[in-house]
Amino acid sequence: IPFADALDLFRGRKVYLEDGFAYVPLKDIVAIILNEFRAKLSKALA
């Protein structure tokens, strides 16, 4: 996934970075999906 989408996990050193992409472990992918969902829901309700 793009690096900007994984900033929270990057702060906790839970991702591997290479060429601008963050490689996220499967167990942590839920956090990425949840953040994306919240952002879209907020935008839709605004």
PDB file of N, CA and C in Angstrom:
ATOM      1  N   ILE A   1       0.848  -1.176   0.000  1.00  0.00           N
ATOM      2  CA  ILE A   1       0.000   0.000   0.000  1.00  0.00           C
ATOM      3  C   ILE A   1       0.892   1.237   0.000  1.00  0.00           C
ATOM      4  N   PRO A   2       0.372   2.361  -0.450  1.00  0.00           N
ATOM      5  CA  PRO A   2       1.181   3.583  -0.414  1.00  0.00           C
ATOM      6  C   PRO A   2       1.588   3.946   1.017  1.00  0.00           C
ATOM      7  N   PHE A   3       2.777   4.498   1.142  1.00  0.00           N
ATOM      8  CA  PHE A   3       3.342   4.840   2.450  1.00  0.00           C
ATOM      9  C   PHE A   3       2.417   5.736   3.267  1.00  0.00           C
ATOM     10  N   ALA A   4       1.793   6.716   2.625  1.00  0.00           N
ATOM     11  CA  ALA A   4       0.945   7.685   3.341  1.00  0.00           C
ATOM     12  C   ALA A   4      -0.245   7.024   4.029  1.00  0.00           C
ATOM     13  N   ASP A   5      -0.683   5.885   3.521  1.00  0.00           N
ATOM     14  CA  ASP A   5      -1.825   5.188   4.117  1.00  0.00           C
ATOM     15  C   ASP A   5      -1.439   4.361   5.342  1.00  0.00           C
ATOM     16  N   ALA A   6      -0.164   4.224   5.608  1.00  0.00           N
ATOM     17  CA  ALA A   6       0.287   3.376   6.709  1.00  0.00           C
ATOM     18  C   ALA A   6       1.092   4.141   7.751  1.00  0.00           C
ATOM     19  N   LEU A   7       0.856   5.436   7.878  1.00  0.00           N
ATOM     20  CA  LEU A   7       1.660   6.248   8.795  1.00  0.00           C
ATOM     21  C   LEU A   7       1.553   5.789  10.246  1.00  0.00           C
ATOM     22  N   ASP A   8       0.350   5.426  10.696  1.00  0.00           N
ATOM     23  CA  ASP A   8       0.190   4.982  12.083  1.00  0.00           C
ATOM     24  C   ASP A   8       1.005   3.720  12.356  1.00  0.00           C
ATOM     25  N   LEU A   9       0.981   2.795  11.428  1.00  0.00           N
ATOM     26  CA  LEU A   9       1.745   1.560  11.612  1.00  0.00           C
ATOM     27  C   LEU A   9       3.242   1.817  11.476  1.00  0.00           C
ATOM     28  N   PHE A  10       3.607   2.778  10.640  1.00  0.00           N
ATOM     29  CA  PHE A  10       5.020   3.117  10.481  1.00  0.00           C
ATOM     30  C   PHE A  10       5.591   3.672  11.778  1.00  0.00           C
ATOM     31  N   ARG A  11       4.804   4.500  12.459  1.00  0.00           N
ATOM     32  CA  ARG A  11       5.263   5.067  13.735  1.00  0.00           C
ATOM     33  C   ARG A  11       5.571   3.966  14.744  1.00  0.00           C
ATOM     34  N   GLY A  12       4.818   2.889  14.683  1.00  0.00           N
ATOM     35  CA  GLY A  12       5.043   1.768  15.592  1.00  0.00           C
ATOM     36  C   GLY A  12       6.022   0.742  15.048  1.00  0.00           C
ATOM     37  N   ARG A  13       6.640   1.065  13.910  1.00  0.00           N
ATOM     38  CA  ARG A  13       7.618   0.178  13.260  1.00  0.00           C
ATOM     39  C   ARG A  13       7.045  -1.203  12.971  1.00  0.00           C
ATOM     40  N   LYS A  14       5.833  -1.224  12.451  1.00  0.00           N
ATOM     41  CA  LYS A  14       5.169  -2.491  12.152  1.00  0.00           C
ATOM     42  C   LYS A  14       5.125  -2.791  10.657  1.00  0.00           C
ATOM     43  N   VAL A  15       5.735  -1.935   9.840  1.00  0.00           N
ATOM     44  CA  VAL A  15       5.698  -2.139   8.397  1.00  0.00           C
ATOM     45  C   VAL A  15       7.110  -2.152   7.823  1.00  0.00           C
ATOM     46  N   TYR A  16       7.231  -2.728   6.650  1.00  0.00           N
ATOM     47  CA  TYR A  16       8.484  -2.747   5.901  1.00  0.00           C
ATOM     48  C   TYR A  16       8.328  -1.770   4.741  1.00  0.00           C
ATOM     49  N   LEU A  17       9.243  -0.829   4.605  1.00  0.00           N
ATOM     50  CA  LEU A  17       9.167   0.181   3.550  1.00  0.00           C
ATOM     51  C   LEU A  17      10.146  -0.127   2.434  1.00  0.00           C
ATOM     52  N   GLU A  18       9.658   0.044   1.193  1.00  0.00           N
ATOM     53  CA  GLU A  18      10.530  -0.111   0.032  1.00  0.00           C
ATOM     54  C   GLU A  18       9.919   0.639  -1.146  1.00  0.00           C
ATOM     55  N   ASP A  19      10.692   1.527  -1.744  1.00  0.00           N
ATOM     56  CA  ASP A  19      10.280   2.291  -2.929  1.00  0.00           C
ATOM     57  C   ASP A  19       8.956   3.028  -2.743  1.00  0.00           C
ATOM     58  N   GLY A  20       8.736   3.592  -1.573  1.00  0.00           N
ATOM     59  CA  GLY A  20       7.530   4.376  -1.337  1.00  0.00           C
ATOM     60  C   GLY A  20       6.301   3.570  -0.984  1.00  0.00           C
ATOM     61  N   PHE A  21       6.460   2.277  -0.839  1.00  0.00           N
ATOM     62  CA  PHE A  21       5.343   1.417  -0.466  1.00  0.00           C
ATOM     63  C   PHE A  21       5.595   0.802   0.896  1.00  0.00           C
ATOM     64  N   ALA A  22       4.526   0.631   1.650  1.00  0.00           N
ATOM     65  CA  ALA A  22       4.606   0.006   2.966  1.00  0.00           C
ATOM     66  C   ALA A  22       4.040  -1.402   2.857  1.00  0.00           C
ATOM     67  N   TYR A  23       4.823  -2.357   3.256  1.00  0.00           N
ATOM     68  CA  TYR A  23       4.367  -3.744   3.270  1.00  0.00           C
ATOM     69  C   TYR A  23       3.877  -4.045   4.678  1.00  0.00           C
ATOM     70  N   VAL A  24       2.578  -4.315   4.784  1.00  0.00           N
ATOM     71  CA  VAL A  24       1.908  -4.448   6.075  1.00  0.00           C
ATOM     72  C   VAL A  24       1.624  -5.917   6.356  1.00  0.00           C
ATOM     73  N   PRO A  25       1.935  -6.377   7.575  1.00  0.00           N
ATOM     74  CA  PRO A  25       1.582  -7.750   7.938  1.00  0.00           C
ATOM     75  C   PRO A  25       0.067  -7.935   7.903  1.00  0.00           C
ATOM     76  N   LEU A  26      -0.362  -9.122   7.577  1.00  0.00           N
ATOM     77  CA  LEU A  26      -1.787  -9.418   7.447  1.00  0.00           C
ATOM     78  C   LEU A  26      -2.565  -9.076   8.709  1.00  0.00           C
ATOM     79  N   LYS A  27      -1.971  -9.313   9.872  1.00  0.00           N
ATOM     80  CA  LYS A  27      -2.684  -9.048  11.127  1.00  0.00           C
ATOM     81  C   LYS A  27      -2.925  -7.554  11.360  1.00  0.00           C
ATOM     82  N   ASP A  28      -2.157  -6.680  10.710  1.00  0.00           N
ATOM     83  CA  ASP A  28      -2.297  -5.234  10.890  1.00  0.00           C
ATOM     84  C   ASP A  28      -3.066  -4.554   9.764  1.00  0.00           C
ATOM     85  N   ILE A  29      -3.469  -5.296   8.756  1.00  0.00           N
ATOM     86  CA  ILE A  29      -4.160  -4.700   7.618  1.00  0.00           C
ATOM     87  C   ILE A  29      -5.533  -4.158   8.023  1.00  0.00           C
ATOM     88  N   VAL A  30      -6.110  -4.693   9.081  1.00  0.00           N
ATOM     89  CA  VAL A  30      -7.418  -4.229   9.556  1.00  0.00           C
ATOM     90  C   VAL A  30      -7.364  -2.750   9.923  1.00  0.00           C
ATOM     91  N   ALA A  31      -6.283  -2.297  10.514  1.00  0.00           N
ATOM     92  CA  ALA A  31      -6.141  -0.887  10.888  1.00  0.00           C
ATOM     93  C   ALA A  31      -6.178   0.008   9.652  1.00  0.00           C
ATOM     94  N   ILE A  32      -5.572  -0.419   8.571  1.00  0.00           N
ATOM     95  CA  ILE A  32      -5.563   0.352   7.331  1.00  0.00           C
ATOM     96  C   ILE A  32      -6.975   0.439   6.758  1.00  0.00           C
ATOM     97  N   ILE A  33      -7.658  -0.689   6.718  1.00  0.00           N
ATOM     98  CA  ILE A  33      -9.021  -0.725   6.179  1.00  0.00           C
ATOM     99  C   ILE A  33      -9.950   0.130   7.029  1.00  0.00           C
ATOM    100  N   LEU A  34      -9.808   0.054   8.337  1.00  0.00           N
ATOM    101  CA  LEU A  34     -10.658   0.830   9.242  1.00  0.00           C
ATOM    102  C   LEU A  34     -10.443   2.330   9.054  1.00  0.00           C
ATOM    103  N   ASN A  35      -9.216   2.768   8.926  1.00  0.00           N
ATOM    104  CA  ASN A  35      -8.930   4.192   8.700  1.00  0.00           C
ATOM    105  C   ASN A  35      -9.533   4.680   7.386  1.00  0.00           C
ATOM    106  N   GLU A  36      -9.420   3.874   6.351  1.00  0.00           N
ATOM    107  CA  GLU A  36      -9.990   4.242   5.050  1.00  0.00           C
ATOM    108  C   GLU A  36     -11.514   4.332   5.132  1.00  0.00           C
ATOM    109  N   PHE A  37     -12.133   3.382   5.808  1.00  0.00           N
ATOM    110  CA  PHE A  37     -13.587   3.385   5.977  1.00  0.00           C
ATOM    111  C   PHE A  37     -14.048   4.625   6.740  1.00  0.00           C
ATOM    112  N   ARG A  38     -13.368   4.942   7.822  1.00  0.00           N
ATOM    113  CA  ARG A  38     -13.737   6.119   8.620  1.00  0.00           C
ATOM    114  C   ARG A  38     -13.630   7.406   7.808  1.00  0.00           C
ATOM    115  N   ALA A  39     -12.584   7.521   7.024  1.00  0.00           N
ATOM    116  CA  ALA A  39     -12.391   8.723   6.212  1.00  0.00           C
ATOM    117  C   ALA A  39     -13.509   8.871   5.183  1.00  0.00           C
ATOM    118  N   LYS A  40     -13.862   7.782   4.531  1.00  0.00           N
ATOM    119  CA  LYS A  40     -14.924   7.842   3.519  1.00  0.00           C
ATOM    120  C   LYS A  40     -16.287   8.085   4.156  1.00  0.00           C
ATOM    121  N   LEU A  41     -16.531   7.492   5.307  1.00  0.00           N
ATOM    122  CA  LEU A  41     -17.797   7.697   6.006  1.00  0.00           C
ATOM    123  C   LEU A  41     -17.931   9.147   6.454  1.00  0.00           C
ATOM    124  N   SER A  42     -16.870   9.698   6.987  1.00  0.00           N
ATOM    125  CA  SER A  42     -16.873  11.104   7.415  1.00  0.00           C
ATOM    126  C   SER A  42     -17.175  12.031   6.242  1.00  0.00           C
ATOM    127  N   LYS A  43     -16.531  11.761   5.126  1.00  0.00           N
ATOM    128  CA  LYS A  43     -16.733  12.589   3.938  1.00  0.00           C
ATOM    129  C   LYS A  43     -18.172  12.480   3.435  1.00  0.00           C
ATOM    130  N   ALA A  44     -18.730  11.277   3.477  1.00  0.00           N
ATOM    131  CA  ALA A  44     -20.095  11.069   2.995  1.00  0.00           C
ATOM    132  C   ALA A  44     -21.126  11.735   3.905  1.00  0.00           C
ATOM    133  N   LEU A  45     -20.845  11.798   5.192  1.00  0.00           N
ATOM    134  CA  LEU A  45     -21.794  12.377   6.140  1.00  0.00           C
ATOM    135  C   LEU A  45     -21.656  13.892   6.270  1.00  0.00           C
ATOM    136  N   ALA A  46     -20.592  14.439   5.743  1.00  0.00           N
ATOM    137  CA  ALA A  46     -20.359  15.891   5.862  1.00  0.00           C
ATOM    138  C   ALA A  46     -21.227  16.693   4.920  1.00  0.00           C
TER     139      ALA A  46
END
